[in-house]
Amino acid sequence: MTPEDQSIVDKTVRGVLQDVLALPPQQVAAFRHDTPLFGTVPELDSMAVAGLLTELEDRLAIRIDDDEVDGDMMATFGALVDFASRKAFT
């Protein structure tokens, strides 16, 4: 995967988090690779996860199977970007 590919996924994940969770743009822009998500961002609850995953599938043209979803993939912003990158470019 190229740095450009990684940048596209990063921007897409940021956009999905902002749109689905209705987070302020400045909050999402401040997310770093190690920024905790699930359990830390109140808007990201179990109900929001389904919408978030559906939107990632739509925007990145990927398929996320139920058995791939776990707490580790959403533990941090970087973990979510890495997961989406693997799905989009492998």
C-alpha atoms as a PDB file:
ATOM      1  CA  MET A   1       0.000   0.000   0.000  1.00  0.00           C
ATOM      2  CA  THR A   2       1.304   3.402  -0.908  1.00  0.00           C
ATOM      3  CA  PRO A   3       1.348   6.425   1.406  1.00  0.00           C
ATOM      4  CA  GLU A   4      -1.278   7.955  -0.881  1.00  0.00           C
ATOM      5  CA  ASP A   5      -3.554   4.927  -0.357  1.00  0.00           C
ATOM      6  CA  GLN A   6      -3.077   5.222   3.414  1.00  0.00           C
ATOM      7  CA  SER A   7      -3.906   8.930   3.245  1.00  0.00           C
ATOM      8  CA  ILE A   8      -7.123   8.229   1.338  1.00  0.00           C
ATOM      9  CA  VAL A   9      -8.244   5.706   3.940  1.00  0.00           C
ATOM     10  CA  ASP A  10      -7.278   8.037   6.803  1.00  0.00           C
ATOM     11  CA  LYS A  11      -9.357  10.863   5.305  1.00  0.00           C
ATOM     12  CA  THR A  12     -12.263   8.511   4.639  1.00  0.00           C
ATOM     13  CA  VAL A  13     -12.274   7.152   8.191  1.00  0.00           C
ATOM     14  CA  ARG A  14     -12.144  10.698   9.562  1.00  0.00           C
ATOM     15  CA  GLY A  15     -15.089  11.665   7.354  1.00  0.00           C
ATOM     16  CA  VAL A  16     -17.108   8.651   8.453  1.00  0.00           C
ATOM     17  CA  LEU A  17     -16.433   9.327  12.132  1.00  0.00           C
ATOM     18  CA  GLN A  18     -17.419  12.960  11.695  1.00  0.00           C
ATOM     19  CA  ASP A  19     -20.575  12.227   9.695  1.00  0.00           C
ATOM     20  CA  VAL A  20     -21.902   9.135  11.476  1.00  0.00           C
ATOM     21  CA  LEU A  21     -21.092  10.241  15.010  1.00  0.00           C
ATOM     22  CA  ALA A  22     -21.761  13.948  14.386  1.00  0.00           C
ATOM     23  CA  LEU A  23     -18.373  14.852  15.847  1.00  0.00           C
ATOM     24  CA  PRO A  24     -16.989  18.362  15.443  1.00  0.00           C
ATOM     25  CA  PRO A  25     -14.474  18.610  12.574  1.00  0.00           C
ATOM     26  CA  GLN A  26     -11.759  19.965  14.884  1.00  0.00           C
ATOM     27  CA  GLN A  27     -12.119  16.958  17.198  1.00  0.00           C
ATOM     28  CA  VAL A  28     -11.776  14.500  14.319  1.00  0.00           C
ATOM     29  CA  ALA A  29      -8.851  16.452  12.833  1.00  0.00           C
ATOM     30  CA  ALA A  30      -7.018  16.094  16.158  1.00  0.00           C
ATOM     31  CA  PHE A  31      -7.227  12.273  16.134  1.00  0.00           C
ATOM     32  CA  ARG A  32      -3.807  10.628  16.042  1.00  0.00           C
ATOM     33  CA  HIS A  33      -2.876   6.992  15.458  1.00  0.00           C
ATOM     34  CA  ASP A  34      -3.059   6.248  19.199  1.00  0.00           C
ATOM     35  CA  THR A  35      -6.235   8.237  19.957  1.00  0.00           C
ATOM     36  CA  PRO A  36      -8.592   5.896  21.840  1.00  0.00           C
ATOM     37  CA  LEU A  37     -12.044   5.453  20.294  1.00  0.00           C
ATOM     38  CA  PHE A  38     -14.366   2.710  21.556  1.00  0.00           C
ATOM     39  CA  GLY A  39     -15.063   3.272  25.230  1.00  0.00           C
ATOM     40  CA  THR A  40     -13.620   6.782  25.119  1.00  0.00           C
ATOM     41  CA  VAL A  41     -15.629   8.642  22.468  1.00  0.00           C
ATOM     42  CA  PRO A  42     -19.136   8.671  24.007  1.00  0.00           C
ATOM     43  CA  GLU A  43     -20.836   8.919  20.612  1.00  0.00           C
ATOM     44  CA  LEU A  44     -19.241   5.611  19.549  1.00  0.00           C
ATOM     45  CA  ASP A  45     -21.536   3.206  21.330  1.00  0.00           C
ATOM     46  CA  SER A  46     -22.648  -0.251  20.245  1.00  0.00           C
ATOM     47  CA  MET A  47     -25.551   1.192  18.233  1.00  0.00           C
ATOM     48  CA  ALA A  48     -23.268   3.574  16.351  1.00  0.00           C
ATOM     49  CA  VAL A  49     -20.820   0.810  15.413  1.00  0.00           C
ATOM     50  CA  ALA A  50     -23.240  -0.703  12.878  1.00  0.00           C
ATOM     51  CA  GLY A  51     -23.732   2.645  11.144  1.00  0.00           C
ATOM     52  CA  LEU A  52     -20.021   3.328  11.183  1.00  0.00           C
ATOM     53  CA  LEU A  53     -19.170  -0.025   9.609  1.00  0.00           C
ATOM     54  CA  THR A  54     -21.892   0.286   6.988  1.00  0.00           C
ATOM     55  CA  GLU A  55     -20.645   3.708   5.996  1.00  0.00           C
ATOM     56  CA  LEU A  56     -17.039   2.471   5.792  1.00  0.00           C
ATOM     57  CA  GLU A  57     -18.200  -0.359   3.528  1.00  0.00           C
ATOM     58  CA  ASP A  58     -20.015   2.095   1.264  1.00  0.00           C
ATOM     59  CA  ARG A  59     -17.283   4.714   1.043  1.00  0.00           C
ATOM     60  CA  LEU A  60     -14.370   2.300   0.644  1.00  0.00           C
ATOM     61  CA  ALA A  61     -16.222  -0.339  -1.412  1.00  0.00           C
ATOM     62  CA  ILE A  62     -15.282  -3.062   1.066  1.00  0.00           C
ATOM     63  CA  ARG A  63     -17.091  -5.883   2.834  1.00  0.00           C
ATOM     64  CA  ILE A  64     -16.747  -6.288   6.601  1.00  0.00           C
ATOM     65  CA  ASP A  65     -17.875  -9.658   7.912  1.00  0.00           C
ATOM     66  CA  ASP A  66     -19.368  -9.973  11.382  1.00  0.00           C
ATOM     67  CA  ASP A  67     -16.538 -12.216  12.565  1.00  0.00           C
ATOM     68  CA  GLU A  68     -14.015  -9.452  11.765  1.00  0.00           C
ATOM     69  CA  VAL A  69     -15.605  -6.988  14.154  1.00  0.00           C
ATOM     70  CA  ASP A  70     -14.079  -6.822  17.610  1.00  0.00           C
ATOM     71  CA  GLY A  71     -13.002  -4.296  20.183  1.00  0.00           C
ATOM     72  CA  ASP A  72      -9.410  -4.279  18.969  1.00  0.00           C
ATOM     73  CA  MET A  73     -10.310  -2.932  15.531  1.00  0.00           C
ATOM     74  CA  MET A  74     -11.946   0.117  17.120  1.00  0.00           C
ATOM     75  CA  ALA A  75      -9.676   0.515  20.114  1.00  0.00           C
ATOM     76  CA  THR A  76      -7.824   3.442  18.547  1.00  0.00           C
ATOM     77  CA  PHE A  77      -8.131   5.640  15.501  1.00  0.00           C
ATOM     78  CA  GLY A  78      -5.020   4.012  14.062  1.00  0.00           C
ATOM     79  CA  ALA A  79      -6.386   0.495  14.578  1.00  0.00           C
ATOM     80  CA  LEU A  80      -9.535   1.439  12.666  1.00  0.00           C
ATOM     81  CA  VAL A  81      -7.534   3.029   9.836  1.00  0.00           C
ATOM     82  CA  ASP A  82      -5.221   0.017   9.668  1.00  0.00           C
ATOM     83  CA  PHE A  83      -8.178  -2.367   9.541  1.00  0.00           C
ATOM     84  CA  ALA A  84      -9.909  -0.361   6.799  1.00  0.00           C
ATOM     85  CA  SER A  85      -6.641  -0.094   4.849  1.00  0.00           C
ATOM     86  CA  ARG A  86      -6.146  -3.865   4.907  1.00  0.00           C
ATOM     87  CA  LYS A  87      -9.705  -4.396   3.701  1.00  0.00           C
ATOM     88  CA  ALA A  88      -9.436  -1.782   0.959  1.00  0.00           C
ATOM     89  CA  PHE A  89      -6.035  -2.686  -0.440  1.00  0.00           C
ATOM     90  CA  THR A  90      -5.576  -6.440  -0.029  1.00  0.00           C
END
